[in-house]
Each structure stands twice: as C-alpha cells, then as structure tokens.
Amino acid sequence: MVNTKTEICNLALSCIGDKGSVENIDVPEKQTEIVCAKWYDVSRKTALRQMMPSFARKREIWPLAVDYKPAFGYDYAYKYKSNCLKILGIGEIGRSCRDYAVEGGYLLTNEYHKNGLPVRYVYDVDDVSKFTPDFVSLFAWFLAKDICIELTENESKYTQIEQILPTKILQYCGIDAQENRPVRVSESKLMRARAGLYSLCGRKR
C-alpha cells in the first residue's frame, strides 16, 4: 500500500509520463520536488473534497457562536471548523437542514441548537497512513494535473489528464461508496414538504 508523500508524488510523475523522481518534498531540492511540494496540499484537499472518502468523514457538534449574530437572512451562527473541507449534512440523517450559508468563519442557519449544531463533514486529513489505495490513486491524478504544465510544458498532456480525471473520480468514488449504505427515509415527500424538511445529500450517511 502506498503510504508516503514520496510514493504519491512519484505516482503523479508516472501519470504525466515524467521519468524523474522525488526523494523528499519536505526538504525539496530538485525541480520535481519543489513543484510537487508546492502543489501537494492543494491537490490533496481537492481530492478529499471530490471523493469524500469514508476515512475523512466526521460527525461533531459545532458550538453556537455567542459573540456573533447575522445581520439578516439567518437567525443563528455556529463556529465553522477550520479543518472542514465540505459539509455533508446538518442535523439528523433524513431530516437534514438544507438552508444554510458559510460566511466569515461561521455556519449560518435558522436551526437553533442550544448545545451545538450536529454536523457531518469532510475534514482535512494529512496523515498518509490513513489514506486508502483508491484515494491515493485519485490523489495522484489530481497532483499530476496540477504539476503537469510546470514540469512538462506540455498542454496536450494537461488536456489529456483533464479528460481522464472525471472517469477516475467516478471510478474511485464508486469504490468508496460501496462501504456506505444508502439512506432510506420513510416519511412521504408531502409530509416532509409540510414540515419544511429536506435531505441534504440523499444517498450517503
């Protein structure tokens, strides 16, 4: 299993057909290492947002912000987690709140939770030992796209990777999705509409 920054970067180089190699991006010396180090975290966060892998999902209670109230549009503000890359849902499964906004370090909503807002989200995982093989593969393709022009100056290669990426996203997201059962909601659509309740992301937990 690939579980080091170096191996991920070398996979990305392989994707663009570069015959160079990377030994260390924490203390980069060669041009390939400098470029990979520049893009590594950006590509990782993009891959996490796209794939939303199970190892990067978290459920937490976000505290109500007592020092801030939205001027208009929403009644309450909750402290936005700095490590959140993407919100998956607010509230209980099947009764998730869809009406919210993220602004200025706060999550704004009309939902009031005195003890904090239940939030499911994708968080920023940088520990490579937690990466699954399918995530590593997708991450390598995103990194390959980001480093391609700077290392190869080959626009046709960049375009080729851009065309490949959607297929890779579907492939690897599909693998991860198999671990999560679909959410089934028993209430009728009419009852949910009357209650003003809508699911945020109907399929996954």
C-alpha atoms as a PDB file:
ATOM      1  CA  MET A   1       0.000   0.000   0.000  1.00  0.00           C
ATOM      2  CA  VAL A   2       1.304   3.465  -0.900  1.00  0.00           C
ATOM      3  CA  ASN A   3       1.608   5.422   2.339  1.00  0.00           C
ATOM      4  CA  THR A   4       4.264   8.107   1.936  1.00  0.00           C
ATOM      5  CA  LYS A   5       4.296  11.544   0.352  1.00  0.00           C
ATOM      6  CA  THR A   6       7.230  10.461  -1.789  1.00  0.00           C
ATOM      7  CA  GLU A   7       5.398   7.492  -3.267  1.00  0.00           C
ATOM      8  CA  ILE A   8       2.303   9.588  -4.020  1.00  0.00           C
ATOM      9  CA  CYS A   9       4.414  12.195  -5.807  1.00  0.00           C
ATOM     10  CA  ASN A  10       6.197   9.525  -7.823  1.00  0.00           C
ATOM     11  CA  LEU A  11       2.822   8.091  -8.843  1.00  0.00           C
ATOM     12  CA  ALA A  12       1.810  11.562 -10.039  1.00  0.00           C
ATOM     13  CA  LEU A  13       5.025  11.856 -12.044  1.00  0.00           C
ATOM     14  CA  SER A  14       4.245   8.497 -13.599  1.00  0.00           C
ATOM     15  CA  CYS A  15       0.775   9.743 -14.590  1.00  0.00           C
ATOM     16  CA  ILE A  16       2.299  12.601 -16.591  1.00  0.00           C
ATOM     17  CA  GLY A  17       4.978  10.381 -18.095  1.00  0.00           C
ATOM     18  CA  ASP A  18       7.821  12.160 -16.322  1.00  0.00           C
ATOM     19  CA  LYS A  19      10.869   9.942 -15.866  1.00  0.00           C
ATOM     20  CA  GLY A  20      12.162  11.976 -12.920  1.00  0.00           C
ATOM     21  CA  SER A  21      11.680  11.053  -9.304  1.00  0.00           C
ATOM     22  CA  VAL A  22      11.089  12.548  -5.881  1.00  0.00           C
ATOM     23  CA  GLU A  23      13.006  11.652  -2.737  1.00  0.00           C
ATOM     24  CA  ASN A  24      11.802  14.300  -0.283  1.00  0.00           C
ATOM     25  CA  ILE A  25       9.239  17.092  -0.632  1.00  0.00           C
ATOM     26  CA  ASP A  26       9.529  18.262   2.977  1.00  0.00           C
ATOM     27  CA  VAL A  27      13.036  19.498   2.184  1.00  0.00           C
ATOM     28  CA  PRO A  28      12.824  19.842  -1.610  1.00  0.00           C
ATOM     29  CA  GLU A  29      15.973  20.283  -3.672  1.00  0.00           C
ATOM     30  CA  LYS A  30      15.305  19.052  -7.216  1.00  0.00           C
ATOM     31  CA  GLN A  31      12.851  20.836  -9.502  1.00  0.00           C
ATOM     32  CA  THR A  32      10.420  17.898  -9.389  1.00  0.00           C
ATOM     33  CA  GLU A  33      10.465  18.022  -5.575  1.00  0.00           C
ATOM     34  CA  ILE A  34       9.945  21.801  -5.456  1.00  0.00           C
ATOM     35  CA  VAL A  35       6.951  21.625  -7.800  1.00  0.00           C
ATOM     36  CA  CYS A  36       5.404  18.618  -6.036  1.00  0.00           C
ATOM     37  CA  ALA A  37       5.870  20.302  -2.643  1.00  0.00           C
ATOM     38  CA  LYS A  38       4.135  23.444  -3.952  1.00  0.00           C
ATOM     39  CA  TRP A  39       1.037  21.578  -5.125  1.00  0.00           C
ATOM     40  CA  TYR A  40       0.860  18.609  -2.728  1.00  0.00           C
ATOM     41  CA  ASP A  41      -1.532  20.074  -0.126  1.00  0.00           C
ATOM     42  CA  VAL A  42      -3.706  21.842  -2.699  1.00  0.00           C
ATOM     43  CA  SER A  43      -4.151  18.624  -4.680  1.00  0.00           C
ATOM     44  CA  ARG A  44      -4.801  16.585  -1.524  1.00  0.00           C
ATOM     45  CA  LYS A  45      -7.582  18.902  -0.359  1.00  0.00           C
ATOM     46  CA  THR A  46      -9.146  18.930  -3.811  1.00  0.00           C
ATOM     47  CA  ALA A  47      -9.115  15.129  -3.935  1.00  0.00           C
ATOM     48  CA  LEU A  48     -10.673  14.903  -0.464  1.00  0.00           C
ATOM     49  CA  ARG A  49     -13.465  17.313  -1.438  1.00  0.00           C
ATOM     50  CA  GLN A  50     -14.179  15.409  -4.632  1.00  0.00           C
ATOM     51  CA  MET A  51     -14.061  11.873  -3.281  1.00  0.00           C
ATOM     52  CA  MET A  52     -15.352  12.489   0.268  1.00  0.00           C
ATOM     53  CA  PRO A  53     -13.733   9.209   1.403  1.00  0.00           C
ATOM     54  CA  SER A  54     -15.061   7.425   4.476  1.00  0.00           C
ATOM     55  CA  PHE A  55     -11.785   7.887   6.383  1.00  0.00           C
ATOM     56  CA  ALA A  56     -12.181  11.677   6.082  1.00  0.00           C
ATOM     57  CA  ARG A  57     -15.757  11.897   7.334  1.00  0.00           C
ATOM     58  CA  LYS A  58     -16.551  13.169  10.777  1.00  0.00           C
ATOM     59  CA  ARG A  59     -19.591  13.889  12.982  1.00  0.00           C
ATOM     60  CA  GLU A  60     -19.256  16.655  15.523  1.00  0.00           C
ATOM     61  CA  ILE A  61     -21.250  19.218  17.444  1.00  0.00           C
ATOM     62  CA  TRP A  62     -20.361  22.734  16.313  1.00  0.00           C
ATOM     63  CA  PRO A  63     -20.858  25.323  19.105  1.00  0.00           C
ATOM     64  CA  LEU A  64     -23.296  28.198  18.840  1.00  0.00           C
ATOM     65  CA  ALA A  65     -21.461  31.499  18.392  1.00  0.00           C
ATOM     66  CA  VAL A  66     -22.459  33.700  21.317  1.00  0.00           C
ATOM     67  CA  ASP A  67     -20.355  36.625  20.073  1.00  0.00           C
ATOM     68  CA  TYR A  68     -21.906  36.928  16.633  1.00  0.00           C
ATOM     69  CA  LYS A  69     -25.402  37.194  15.154  1.00  0.00           C
ATOM     70  CA  PRO A  70     -26.098  37.507  11.396  1.00  0.00           C
ATOM     71  CA  ALA A  71     -27.363  40.958  10.425  1.00  0.00           C
ATOM     72  CA  PHE A  72     -30.089  39.441   8.247  1.00  0.00           C
ATOM     73  CA  GLY A  73     -31.120  36.278   6.401  1.00  0.00           C
ATOM     74  CA  TYR A  74     -30.365  33.834   9.203  1.00  0.00           C
ATOM     75  CA  ASP A  75     -31.037  33.790  12.920  1.00  0.00           C
ATOM     76  CA  TYR A  76     -28.060  31.830  14.248  1.00  0.00           C
ATOM     77  CA  ALA A  77     -24.352  31.392  13.662  1.00  0.00           C
ATOM     78  CA  TYR A  78     -22.172  28.424  14.604  1.00  0.00           C
ATOM     79  CA  LYS A  79     -18.377  28.332  14.703  1.00  0.00           C
ATOM     80  CA  TYR A  80     -17.104  26.863  11.435  1.00  0.00           C
ATOM     81  CA  LYS A  81     -14.421  24.224  11.898  1.00  0.00           C
ATOM     82  CA  SER A  82     -11.117  25.267  10.371  1.00  0.00           C
ATOM     83  CA  ASN A  83     -10.410  21.702   9.191  1.00  0.00           C
ATOM     84  CA  CYS A  84     -13.745  21.353   7.358  1.00  0.00           C
ATOM     85  CA  LEU A  85     -13.399  20.884   3.614  1.00  0.00           C
ATOM     86  CA  LYS A  86     -17.024  20.145   2.784  1.00  0.00           C
ATOM     87  CA  ILE A  87     -20.276  19.892   4.732  1.00  0.00           C
ATOM     88  CA  LEU A  88     -22.174  16.653   4.176  1.00  0.00           C
ATOM     89  CA  GLY A  89     -25.241  17.380   6.270  1.00  0.00           C
ATOM     90  CA  ILE A  90     -26.682  19.288   9.201  1.00  0.00           C
ATOM     91  CA  GLY A  91     -28.871  17.592  11.777  1.00  0.00           C
ATOM     92  CA  GLU A  92     -30.141  14.030  11.882  1.00  0.00           C
ATOM     93  CA  ILE A  93     -29.955  11.775   8.812  1.00  0.00           C
ATOM     94  CA  GLY A  94     -33.139  12.132   6.752  1.00  0.00           C
ATOM     95  CA  ARG A  95     -34.009  15.435   8.417  1.00  0.00           C
ATOM     96  CA  SER A  96     -31.003  17.448   7.350  1.00  0.00           C
ATOM     97  CA  CYS A  97     -31.265  21.212   7.064  1.00  0.00           C
ATOM     98  CA  ARG A  98     -30.560  22.426   3.549  1.00  0.00           C
ATOM     99  CA  ASP A  99     -30.915  26.137   4.129  1.00  0.00           C
ATOM    100  CA  TYR A 100     -27.578  27.414   5.413  1.00  0.00           C
ATOM    101  CA  ALA A 101     -24.624  29.576   4.386  1.00  0.00           C
ATOM    102  CA  VAL A 102     -20.919  29.629   5.183  1.00  0.00           C
ATOM    103  CA  GLU A 103     -19.563  33.123   5.713  1.00  0.00           C
ATOM    104  CA  GLY A 104     -16.639  34.683   7.564  1.00  0.00           C
ATOM    105  CA  GLY A 105     -15.767  31.631   9.635  1.00  0.00           C
ATOM    106  CA  TYR A 106     -19.358  30.868  10.627  1.00  0.00           C
ATOM    107  CA  LEU A 107     -22.074  28.487   9.511  1.00  0.00           C
ATOM    108  CA  LEU A 108     -25.323  30.453   9.331  1.00  0.00           C
ATOM    109  CA  THR A 109     -28.725  28.795   9.654  1.00  0.00           C
ATOM    110  CA  ASN A 110     -32.174  29.196  11.155  1.00  0.00           C
ATOM    111  CA  GLU A 111     -31.725  25.959  13.090  1.00  0.00           C
ATOM    112  CA  TYR A 112     -31.363  26.551  16.829  1.00  0.00           C
ATOM    113  CA  HIS A 113     -29.431  24.041  18.903  1.00  0.00           C
ATOM    114  CA  LYS A 114     -28.586  25.308  22.378  1.00  0.00           C
ATOM    115  CA  ASN A 115     -25.912  22.670  22.923  1.00  0.00           C
ATOM    116  CA  GLY A 116     -24.456  22.932  19.441  1.00  0.00           C
ATOM    117  CA  LEU A 117     -25.304  22.006  15.857  1.00  0.00           C
ATOM    118  CA  PRO A 118     -24.843  18.364  14.719  1.00  0.00           C
ATOM    119  CA  VAL A 119     -22.749  18.490  11.547  1.00  0.00           C
ATOM    120  CA  ARG A 120     -21.399  15.782   9.248  1.00  0.00           C
ATOM    121  CA  TYR A 121     -18.464  16.908   7.175  1.00  0.00           C
ATOM    122  CA  VAL A 122     -15.316  16.019   5.280  1.00  0.00           C
ATOM    123  CA  TYR A 123     -12.254  17.094   7.207  1.00  0.00           C
ATOM    124  CA  ASP A 124      -8.703  17.790   6.147  1.00  0.00           C
ATOM    125  CA  VAL A 125      -6.709  14.564   6.606  1.00  0.00           C
ATOM    126  CA  ASP A 126      -2.964  14.909   6.066  1.00  0.00           C
ATOM    127  CA  ASP A 127      -1.882  11.663   7.737  1.00  0.00           C
ATOM    128  CA  VAL A 128      -0.889   9.470   4.769  1.00  0.00           C
ATOM    129  CA  SER A 129      -1.180   6.311   6.867  1.00  0.00           C
ATOM    130  CA  LYS A 130      -4.981   6.800   6.814  1.00  0.00           C
ATOM    131  CA  PHE A 131      -5.189   7.022   3.030  1.00  0.00           C
ATOM    132  CA  THR A 132      -6.829   4.090   1.259  1.00  0.00           C
ATOM    133  CA  PRO A 133      -5.351   2.745  -2.002  1.00  0.00           C
ATOM    134  CA  ASP A 134      -8.240   4.131  -4.059  1.00  0.00           C
ATOM    135  CA  PHE A 135      -7.838   7.600  -2.546  1.00  0.00           C
ATOM    136  CA  VAL A 136      -4.096   7.527  -3.182  1.00  0.00           C
ATOM    137  CA  SER A 137      -4.728   6.736  -6.837  1.00  0.00           C
ATOM    138  CA  LEU A 138      -7.205   9.608  -7.234  1.00  0.00           C
ATOM    139  CA  PHE A 139      -4.954  11.981  -5.298  1.00  0.00           C
ATOM    140  CA  ALA A 140      -2.052  11.113  -7.624  1.00  0.00           C
ATOM    141  CA  TRP A 141      -4.144  12.013 -10.682  1.00  0.00           C
ATOM    142  CA  PHE A 142      -5.124  15.391  -9.191  1.00  0.00           C
ATOM    143  CA  LEU A 143      -1.500  16.085  -8.319  1.00  0.00           C
ATOM    144  CA  ALA A 144      -0.461  15.042 -11.825  1.00  0.00           C
ATOM    145  CA  LYS A 145      -2.840  17.619 -13.319  1.00  0.00           C
ATOM    146  CA  ASP A 146      -1.565  20.381 -11.040  1.00  0.00           C
ATOM    147  CA  ILE A 147       2.153  19.761 -11.679  1.00  0.00           C
ATOM    148  CA  CYS A 148       1.871  18.859 -15.358  1.00  0.00           C
ATOM    149  CA  ILE A 149       2.366  22.223 -17.072  1.00  0.00           C
ATOM    150  CA  GLU A 150       5.180  23.377 -14.810  1.00  0.00           C
ATOM    151  CA  LEU A 151       7.176  20.167 -15.234  1.00  0.00           C
ATOM    152  CA  THR A 152       6.390  19.252 -18.830  1.00  0.00           C
ATOM    153  CA  GLU A 153       5.223  22.480 -20.540  1.00  0.00           C
ATOM    154  CA  ASN A 154       3.001  20.102 -22.496  1.00  0.00           C
ATOM    155  CA  GLU A 155      -0.529  21.468 -22.846  1.00  0.00           C
ATOM    156  CA  SER A 156      -1.778  18.406 -24.715  1.00  0.00           C
ATOM    157  CA  LYS A 157      -0.682  16.186 -21.811  1.00  0.00           C
ATOM    158  CA  TYR A 158      -2.503  18.510 -19.395  1.00  0.00           C
ATOM    159  CA  THR A 159      -5.661  18.315 -21.516  1.00  0.00           C
ATOM    160  CA  GLN A 160      -5.362  14.538 -21.625  1.00  0.00           C
ATOM    161  CA  ILE A 161      -5.223  14.318 -17.828  1.00  0.00           C
ATOM    162  CA  GLU A 162      -8.194  16.700 -17.531  1.00  0.00           C
ATOM    163  CA  GLN A 163     -10.181  14.353 -19.764  1.00  0.00           C
ATOM    164  CA  ILE A 164      -9.145  11.304 -17.742  1.00  0.00           C
ATOM    165  CA  LEU A 165      -9.965  12.781 -14.330  1.00  0.00           C
ATOM    166  CA  PRO A 166     -13.805  12.612 -14.495  1.00  0.00           C
ATOM    167  CA  THR A 167     -13.612   8.877 -15.188  1.00  0.00           C
ATOM    168  CA  LYS A 168     -11.150   8.396 -12.334  1.00  0.00           C
ATOM    169  CA  ILE A 169     -13.381  10.360  -9.961  1.00  0.00           C
ATOM    170  CA  LEU A 170     -16.382   8.170 -10.804  1.00  0.00           C
ATOM    171  CA  GLN A 171     -14.291   5.007 -10.525  1.00  0.00           C
ATOM    172  CA  TYR A 172     -12.748   5.684  -7.133  1.00  0.00           C
ATOM    173  CA  CYS A 173     -15.769   7.419  -5.617  1.00  0.00           C
ATOM    174  CA  GLY A 174     -17.805   4.371  -6.600  1.00  0.00           C
ATOM    175  CA  ILE A 175     -15.429   2.082  -4.737  1.00  0.00           C
ATOM    176  CA  ASP A 176     -15.660   4.169  -1.573  1.00  0.00           C
ATOM    177  CA  ALA A 177     -19.455   4.479  -1.841  1.00  0.00           C
ATOM    178  CA  GLN A 178     -19.834   0.694  -1.641  1.00  0.00           C
ATOM    179  CA  GLU A 179     -18.855   0.890   2.045  1.00  0.00           C
ATOM    180  CA  ASN A 180     -21.766   3.189   2.873  1.00  0.00           C
ATOM    181  CA  ARG A 181     -25.365   2.039   2.904  1.00  0.00           C
ATOM    182  CA  PRO A 182     -27.904   4.318   1.195  1.00  0.00           C
ATOM    183  CA  VAL A 183     -30.109   6.346   3.487  1.00  0.00           C
ATOM    184  CA  ARG A 184     -33.764   5.360   3.272  1.00  0.00           C
ATOM    185  CA  VAL A 185     -36.331   7.825   4.563  1.00  0.00           C
ATOM    186  CA  SER A 186     -39.792   6.546   5.403  1.00  0.00           C
ATOM    187  CA  GLU A 187     -41.689   9.848   5.526  1.00  0.00           C
ATOM    188  CA  SER A 188     -43.639  10.862   2.434  1.00  0.00           C
ATOM    189  CA  LYS A 189     -42.470  13.806   0.335  1.00  0.00           C
ATOM    190  CA  LEU A 190     -45.713  15.611   1.126  1.00  0.00           C
ATOM    191  CA  MET A 191     -45.233  15.271   4.875  1.00  0.00           C
ATOM    192  CA  ARG A 192     -41.618  16.397   4.584  1.00  0.00           C
ATOM    193  CA  ALA A 193     -42.624  19.398   2.468  1.00  0.00           C
ATOM    194  CA  ARG A 194     -45.248  20.414   5.005  1.00  0.00           C
ATOM    195  CA  ALA A 195     -42.698  20.158   7.779  1.00  0.00           C
ATOM    196  CA  GLY A 196     -40.184  22.154   5.745  1.00  0.00           C
ATOM    197  CA  LEU A 197     -37.636  19.357   5.915  1.00  0.00           C
ATOM    198  CA  TYR A 198     -35.389  18.289   3.040  1.00  0.00           C
ATOM    199  CA  SER A 199     -32.443  15.921   2.852  1.00  0.00           C
ATOM    200  CA  LEU A 200     -29.100  17.499   2.003  1.00  0.00           C
ATOM    201  CA  CYS A 201     -27.343  14.652   0.253  1.00  0.00           C
ATOM    202  CA  GLY A 202     -29.904  11.920  -0.180  1.00  0.00           C
ATOM    203  CA  ARG A 203     -27.708   8.844  -0.687  1.00  0.00           C
ATOM    204  CA  LYS A 204     -24.847   8.718   1.801  1.00  0.00           C
ATOM    205  CA  ARG A 205     -24.540   8.710   5.539  1.00  0.00           C
END
